[in-house]
């Protein structure tokens, strides 16, 4: 006899921010939630931006200098090892840009269906 599985609703989106920038010229730079821009000058043959969100969103959208960014990977976040997904870290490819404004938004999967937004100026 199979055991019965149960699950509660997915947690609402509670936070969202840029956590890391990686480029050929600037290397890896970790970003604090309150930073408005990178400290290092970035650019070169590749430029990746990493975002972290806690909770569940269903309309992730990122852009750099007004052009849509390509999501190249997403990694599940399990904060306390309980095998329940608490959030996501996403990697965005904005190669071809040397500097500018990166913007990211997502909307909560469920109540209160809030939209969250973050932006970072890339030097």
N, C-alpha and C. Protein backbone atom coordinates (compact mmCIF):
# COMPACT_ATOMS: atom_id res chain seq x y z
N UNK A 1 0.84 -1.17 0.00
CA UNK A 1 0.00 0.00 0.00
C UNK A 1 0.90 1.24 0.00
N UNK A 2 0.60 2.17 -0.87
CA UNK A 2 1.39 3.39 -0.96
C UNK A 2 1.05 4.32 0.19
N UNK A 3 2.05 5.05 0.66
CA UNK A 3 1.79 6.02 1.71
C UNK A 3 1.18 7.27 1.10
N UNK A 4 0.39 7.94 1.88
CA UNK A 4 -0.30 9.14 1.41
C UNK A 4 0.61 10.35 1.58
N UNK A 5 0.69 11.16 0.57
CA UNK A 5 1.51 12.37 0.64
C UNK A 5 0.60 13.57 0.77
N UNK A 6 1.06 14.53 1.52
CA UNK A 6 0.28 15.76 1.65
C UNK A 6 1.24 16.94 1.54
N UNK A 7 0.71 18.03 1.12
CA UNK A 7 1.53 19.23 0.97
C UNK A 7 0.68 20.45 1.24
N UNK A 8 1.30 21.45 1.80
CA UNK A 8 0.61 22.71 2.03
C UNK A 8 0.82 23.63 0.85
N UNK A 9 0.22 24.79 0.91
CA UNK A 9 0.39 25.74 -0.18
C UNK A 9 1.83 26.26 -0.23
N UNK A 10 2.25 26.63 -1.41
CA UNK A 10 3.58 27.20 -1.58
C UNK A 10 3.65 28.54 -0.86
N UNK A 11 4.79 28.84 -0.23
CA UNK A 11 4.91 30.13 0.45
C UNK A 11 4.93 31.28 -0.55
N UNK A 12 4.31 32.38 -0.16
CA UNK A 12 4.28 33.59 -0.99
C UNK A 12 5.69 34.15 -1.15
N UNK A 13 5.90 34.90 -2.18
CA UNK A 13 7.17 35.58 -2.42
C UNK A 13 7.37 36.63 -1.32
N UNK A 14 8.50 36.54 -0.60
CA UNK A 14 8.74 37.47 0.51
C UNK A 14 9.96 38.35 0.31
N UNK A 15 10.91 37.93 -0.52
CA UNK A 15 12.07 38.78 -0.79
C UNK A 15 12.64 38.43 -2.15
N UNK A 16 13.35 39.39 -2.72
CA UNK A 16 13.92 39.22 -4.05
C UNK A 16 15.04 40.23 -4.20
N UNK A 17 16.24 39.80 -4.57
CA UNK A 17 17.34 40.74 -4.79
C UNK A 17 18.47 40.11 -5.61
N UNK A 18 19.34 40.95 -6.13
CA UNK A 18 20.55 40.51 -6.84
C UNK A 18 21.57 40.12 -5.78
N UNK A 19 22.19 38.95 -5.94
CA UNK A 19 23.16 38.49 -4.95
C UNK A 19 24.59 38.42 -5.48
N UNK A 20 24.75 38.35 -6.82
CA UNK A 20 26.10 38.19 -7.36
C UNK A 20 26.14 38.64 -8.81
N UNK A 21 27.29 39.20 -9.20
CA UNK A 21 27.56 39.56 -10.59
C UNK A 21 28.88 38.89 -10.95
N UNK A 22 28.92 38.29 -12.14
CA UNK A 22 30.12 37.58 -12.59
C UNK A 22 30.43 37.99 -14.03
N UNK A 23 31.68 38.41 -14.26
CA UNK A 23 32.07 38.80 -15.61
C UNK A 23 33.54 38.49 -15.84
N UNK A 24 33.94 38.54 -17.11
CA UNK A 24 35.33 38.30 -17.46
C UNK A 24 36.24 39.36 -16.83
N UNK A 25 35.86 40.62 -16.91
CA UNK A 25 36.72 41.70 -16.42
C UNK A 25 36.63 41.93 -14.92
N UNK A 26 35.44 41.76 -14.34
CA UNK A 26 35.25 42.05 -12.92
C UNK A 26 35.32 40.84 -12.01
N UNK A 27 35.38 39.65 -12.59
CA UNK A 27 35.37 38.44 -11.77
C UNK A 27 34.03 38.28 -11.08
N UNK A 28 34.06 37.70 -9.89
CA UNK A 28 32.84 37.49 -9.10
C UNK A 28 32.73 38.58 -8.05
N UNK A 29 31.58 39.22 -7.99
CA UNK A 29 31.31 40.25 -6.98
C UNK A 29 30.00 39.92 -6.30
N UNK A 30 30.06 39.73 -4.98
CA UNK A 30 28.84 39.50 -4.20
C UNK A 30 28.21 40.85 -3.88
N UNK A 31 26.89 40.89 -3.93
CA UNK A 31 26.16 42.14 -3.80
C UNK A 31 25.26 42.08 -2.57
N UNK A 32 25.34 43.08 -1.71
CA UNK A 32 24.44 43.18 -0.55
C UNK A 32 23.08 43.68 -1.01
N UNK A 33 22.01 43.30 -0.29
CA UNK A 33 20.66 43.70 -0.71
C UNK A 33 20.44 45.21 -0.85
N UNK A 34 21.19 46.02 -0.11
CA UNK A 34 20.98 47.46 -0.16
C UNK A 34 21.88 48.19 -1.16
N UNK A 35 22.74 47.47 -1.86
CA UNK A 35 23.62 48.12 -2.85
C UNK A 35 22.82 48.61 -4.05
N UNK A 36 23.15 49.79 -4.52
CA UNK A 36 22.51 50.35 -5.71
C UNK A 36 23.32 50.07 -6.97
N UNK A 37 24.62 49.77 -6.79
CA UNK A 37 25.47 49.48 -7.94
C UNK A 37 26.62 48.57 -7.53
N UNK A 38 27.27 48.00 -8.54
CA UNK A 38 28.46 47.19 -8.26
C UNK A 38 29.61 48.11 -7.90
N UNK A 39 30.60 47.56 -7.24
CA UNK A 39 31.81 48.31 -6.91
C UNK A 39 32.83 48.13 -8.04
N UNK A 40 32.94 46.90 -8.54
CA UNK A 40 33.89 46.59 -9.61
C UNK A 40 33.33 47.01 -10.97
N UNK A 41 34.24 47.24 -11.90
CA UNK A 41 33.86 47.44 -13.30
C UNK A 41 33.74 46.06 -13.94
N UNK A 42 32.61 45.80 -14.57
CA UNK A 42 32.34 44.49 -15.17
C UNK A 42 32.34 44.58 -16.68
N UNK A 43 32.17 43.45 -17.33
CA UNK A 43 32.12 43.39 -18.78
C UNK A 43 33.07 42.33 -19.29
N UNK A 44 33.30 42.35 -20.59
CA UNK A 44 34.14 41.34 -21.23
C UNK A 44 33.29 40.42 -22.07
N UNK A 45 33.76 39.20 -22.26
CA UNK A 45 33.07 38.26 -23.15
C UNK A 45 31.80 37.66 -22.54
N UNK A 46 31.67 37.72 -21.21
CA UNK A 46 30.44 37.22 -20.57
C UNK A 46 30.07 38.11 -19.39
N UNK A 47 28.78 38.13 -19.07
CA UNK A 47 28.26 38.86 -17.92
C UNK A 47 27.04 38.12 -17.42
N UNK A 48 27.13 37.61 -16.18
CA UNK A 48 26.03 36.88 -15.56
C UNK A 48 25.58 37.60 -14.30
N UNK A 49 24.28 37.63 -14.09
CA UNK A 49 23.69 38.23 -12.90
C UNK A 49 22.92 37.13 -12.18
N UNK A 50 23.10 37.03 -10.87
CA UNK A 50 22.41 36.02 -10.06
C UNK A 50 21.39 36.71 -9.15
N UNK A 51 20.17 36.21 -9.17
CA UNK A 51 19.12 36.74 -8.29
C UNK A 51 18.70 35.65 -7.32
N UNK A 52 18.25 36.07 -6.15
CA UNK A 52 17.72 35.13 -5.15
C UNK A 52 16.36 35.62 -4.71
N UNK A 53 15.42 34.69 -4.67
CA UNK A 53 14.08 35.03 -4.19
C UNK A 53 13.65 33.99 -3.18
N UNK A 54 12.99 34.42 -2.14
CA UNK A 54 12.45 33.52 -1.14
C UNK A 54 10.94 33.48 -1.32
N UNK A 55 10.39 32.27 -1.32
CA UNK A 55 8.99 32.06 -1.64
C UNK A 55 8.88 31.65 -3.10
N UNK A 56 7.65 31.57 -3.57
CA UNK A 56 7.40 31.09 -4.92
C UNK A 56 6.83 32.19 -5.81
N UNK A 57 7.50 32.42 -6.92
CA UNK A 57 7.00 33.34 -7.94
C UNK A 57 6.71 32.57 -9.21
N UNK A 58 5.90 33.15 -10.08
CA UNK A 58 5.56 32.43 -11.31
C UNK A 58 5.71 33.26 -12.58
N UNK A 59 6.14 34.50 -12.46
CA UNK A 59 6.35 35.33 -13.65
C UNK A 59 7.71 36.02 -13.59
N UNK A 60 8.82 35.25 -13.52
CA UNK A 60 10.13 35.90 -13.44
C UNK A 60 10.46 36.62 -14.74
N UNK A 61 10.93 37.85 -14.62
CA UNK A 61 11.30 38.63 -15.80
C UNK A 61 12.49 39.51 -15.46
N UNK A 62 13.54 39.41 -16.27
CA UNK A 62 14.73 40.22 -16.06
C UNK A 62 15.11 40.91 -17.36
N UNK A 63 15.70 42.10 -17.21
CA UNK A 63 16.19 42.82 -18.38
C UNK A 63 17.43 43.61 -18.01
N UNK A 64 18.24 43.84 -19.03
CA UNK A 64 19.46 44.64 -18.88
C UNK A 64 19.43 45.71 -19.95
N UNK A 65 19.49 46.96 -19.53
CA UNK A 65 19.43 48.09 -20.46
C UNK A 65 18.20 48.00 -21.36
N UNK A 66 17.10 47.52 -20.80
CA UNK A 66 15.83 47.46 -21.53
C UNK A 66 15.63 46.21 -22.36
N UNK A 67 16.66 45.37 -22.52
CA UNK A 67 16.54 44.15 -23.32
C UNK A 67 16.35 42.94 -22.41
N UNK A 68 15.45 42.05 -22.80
CA UNK A 68 15.16 40.86 -22.00
C UNK A 68 16.41 40.03 -21.77
N UNK A 69 16.61 39.60 -20.52
CA UNK A 69 17.74 38.74 -20.16
C UNK A 69 17.33 37.28 -20.32
N UNK A 70 18.30 36.42 -20.57
CA UNK A 70 18.04 34.99 -20.72
C UNK A 70 18.36 34.27 -19.41
N UNK A 71 17.36 33.56 -18.87
CA UNK A 71 17.61 32.74 -17.68
C UNK A 71 18.31 31.46 -18.12
N UNK A 72 19.50 31.20 -17.57
CA UNK A 72 20.27 30.03 -17.99
C UNK A 72 20.25 28.91 -16.97
N UNK A 73 19.90 29.21 -15.72
CA UNK A 73 19.76 28.14 -14.72
C UNK A 73 18.99 28.65 -13.52
N UNK A 74 18.45 27.71 -12.77
CA UNK A 74 17.82 28.04 -11.49
C UNK A 74 18.15 26.92 -10.51
N UNK A 75 18.44 27.31 -9.28
CA UNK A 75 18.82 26.38 -8.23
C UNK A 75 17.86 26.52 -7.07
N UNK A 76 17.37 25.39 -6.58
CA UNK A 76 16.45 25.41 -5.44
C UNK A 76 17.20 25.79 -4.17
N UNK A 77 16.53 26.51 -3.29
CA UNK A 77 17.09 26.87 -1.99
C UNK A 77 16.27 26.16 -0.91
N UNK A 78 16.95 25.38 -0.08
CA UNK A 78 16.33 24.72 1.07
C UNK A 78 17.08 25.23 2.30
N UNK A 79 16.51 26.19 2.99
CA UNK A 79 17.20 26.89 4.07
C UNK A 79 17.56 25.97 5.24
N UNK A 80 16.66 25.07 5.63
CA UNK A 80 16.87 24.30 6.85
C UNK A 80 17.01 22.79 6.64
N UNK A 81 17.17 22.34 5.40
CA UNK A 81 17.38 20.93 5.14
C UNK A 81 16.17 20.04 5.32
N UNK A 82 14.97 20.62 5.29
CA UNK A 82 13.76 19.82 5.48
C UNK A 82 13.19 19.27 4.18
N UNK A 83 13.94 19.44 3.10
CA UNK A 83 13.54 18.98 1.75
C UNK A 83 12.31 19.71 1.22
N UNK A 84 12.06 20.89 1.75
CA UNK A 84 11.00 21.76 1.24
C UNK A 84 11.69 22.95 0.59
N UNK A 85 11.33 23.23 -0.64
CA UNK A 85 11.96 24.34 -1.36
C UNK A 85 11.46 25.66 -0.79
N UNK A 86 12.42 26.48 -0.33
CA UNK A 86 12.09 27.78 0.27
C UNK A 86 12.21 28.92 -0.72
N UNK A 87 12.97 28.73 -1.78
CA UNK A 87 13.17 29.80 -2.75
C UNK A 87 14.03 29.32 -3.90
N UNK A 88 14.49 30.29 -4.70
CA UNK A 88 15.24 29.98 -5.91
C UNK A 88 16.37 30.98 -6.12
N UNK A 89 17.50 30.50 -6.62
CA UNK A 89 18.55 31.37 -7.13
C UNK A 89 18.58 31.18 -8.64
N UNK A 90 18.48 32.28 -9.37
CA UNK A 90 18.45 32.22 -10.83
C UNK A 90 19.69 32.89 -11.40
N UNK A 91 20.19 32.33 -12.50
CA UNK A 91 21.35 32.89 -13.20
C UNK A 91 20.86 33.44 -14.52
N UNK A 92 21.18 34.71 -14.77
CA UNK A 92 20.74 35.41 -15.98
C UNK A 92 21.96 35.75 -16.83
N UNK A 93 21.87 35.49 -18.12
CA UNK A 93 22.94 35.81 -19.07
C UNK A 93 22.62 37.13 -19.75
N UNK A 94 23.45 38.13 -19.48
CA UNK A 94 23.30 39.44 -20.13
C UNK A 94 24.58 39.78 -20.89
N UNK A 95 25.26 38.74 -21.37
CA UNK A 95 26.50 38.93 -22.13
C UNK A 95 26.22 39.81 -23.34
N UNK A 96 27.22 40.59 -23.69
CA UNK A 96 27.06 41.58 -24.76
C UNK A 96 26.93 42.97 -24.17
N UNK A 97 26.59 43.04 -22.89
CA UNK A 97 26.54 44.31 -22.17
C UNK A 97 27.85 44.48 -21.40
N UNK A 98 28.34 45.69 -21.34
CA UNK A 98 29.54 45.99 -20.56
C UNK A 98 29.18 46.66 -19.24
N UNK A 99 28.07 47.38 -19.23
CA UNK A 99 27.61 48.10 -18.04
C UNK A 99 26.16 48.48 -18.28
N UNK A 100 25.52 49.01 -17.24
CA UNK A 100 24.13 49.46 -17.39
C UNK A 100 23.27 49.05 -16.22
N UNK A 101 21.96 49.04 -16.46
CA UNK A 101 20.99 48.78 -15.40
C UNK A 101 20.33 47.41 -15.60
N UNK A 102 20.46 46.57 -14.58
CA UNK A 102 19.80 45.27 -14.56
C UNK A 102 18.56 45.39 -13.68
N UNK A 103 17.42 44.89 -14.18
CA UNK A 103 16.17 44.93 -13.44
C UNK A 103 15.55 43.54 -13.42
N UNK A 104 14.96 43.19 -12.28
CA UNK A 104 14.32 41.88 -12.14
C UNK A 104 13.04 42.02 -11.33
N UNK A 105 12.00 41.32 -11.78
CA UNK A 105 10.74 41.30 -11.04
C UNK A 105 10.12 39.91 -11.12
N UNK A 106 9.28 39.62 -10.13
CA UNK A 106 8.54 38.37 -10.12
C UNK A 106 7.26 38.60 -9.33
N UNK A 107 6.25 37.78 -9.60
CA UNK A 107 4.95 37.89 -8.94
C UNK A 107 4.69 36.60 -8.17
N UNK A 108 4.22 36.74 -6.94
CA UNK A 108 3.95 35.60 -6.08
C UNK A 108 2.95 34.64 -6.72
N UNK A 109 3.21 33.35 -6.58
CA UNK A 109 2.36 32.31 -7.14
C UNK A 109 0.96 32.31 -6.52
N UNK A 110 0.88 32.71 -5.27
CA UNK A 110 -0.41 32.67 -4.57
C UNK A 110 -0.60 33.92 -3.71
N UNK A 111 -1.63 33.90 -2.90
CA UNK A 111 -1.97 35.05 -2.06
C UNK A 111 -0.74 35.52 -1.30
N UNK A 112 -0.43 36.78 -1.29
CA UNK A 112 -1.24 37.93 -1.74
C UNK A 112 -0.96 38.35 -3.19
N UNK A 113 -0.33 37.47 -4.01
CA UNK A 113 -0.05 37.73 -5.43
C UNK A 113 0.74 39.03 -5.62
N UNK A 114 1.61 39.31 -4.67
CA UNK A 114 2.40 40.54 -4.72
C UNK A 114 3.49 40.46 -5.79
N UNK A 115 3.78 41.60 -6.38
CA UNK A 115 4.88 41.71 -7.34
C UNK A 115 6.05 42.35 -6.62
N UNK A 116 7.24 41.75 -6.78
CA UNK A 116 8.44 42.30 -6.18
C UNK A 116 9.42 42.68 -7.29
N UNK A 117 10.26 43.67 -6.99
CA UNK A 117 11.15 44.26 -8.00
C UNK A 117 12.48 44.61 -7.35
N UNK A 118 13.55 44.45 -8.11
CA UNK A 118 14.86 44.90 -7.68
C UNK A 118 15.64 45.39 -8.90
N UNK A 119 16.63 46.22 -8.67
CA UNK A 119 17.46 46.73 -9.76
C UNK A 119 18.87 46.96 -9.24
N UNK A 120 19.84 46.89 -10.14
CA UNK A 120 21.23 47.12 -9.79
C UNK A 120 21.92 47.75 -10.99
N UNK A 121 22.68 48.81 -10.73
CA UNK A 121 23.50 49.42 -11.78
C UNK A 121 24.82 48.67 -11.84
N UNK A 122 25.17 48.20 -13.03
CA UNK A 122 26.40 47.45 -13.24
C UNK A 122 27.43 48.39 -13.85
N UNK A 123 28.58 48.54 -13.17
CA UNK A 123 29.65 49.41 -13.68
C UNK A 123 30.45 48.70 -14.76
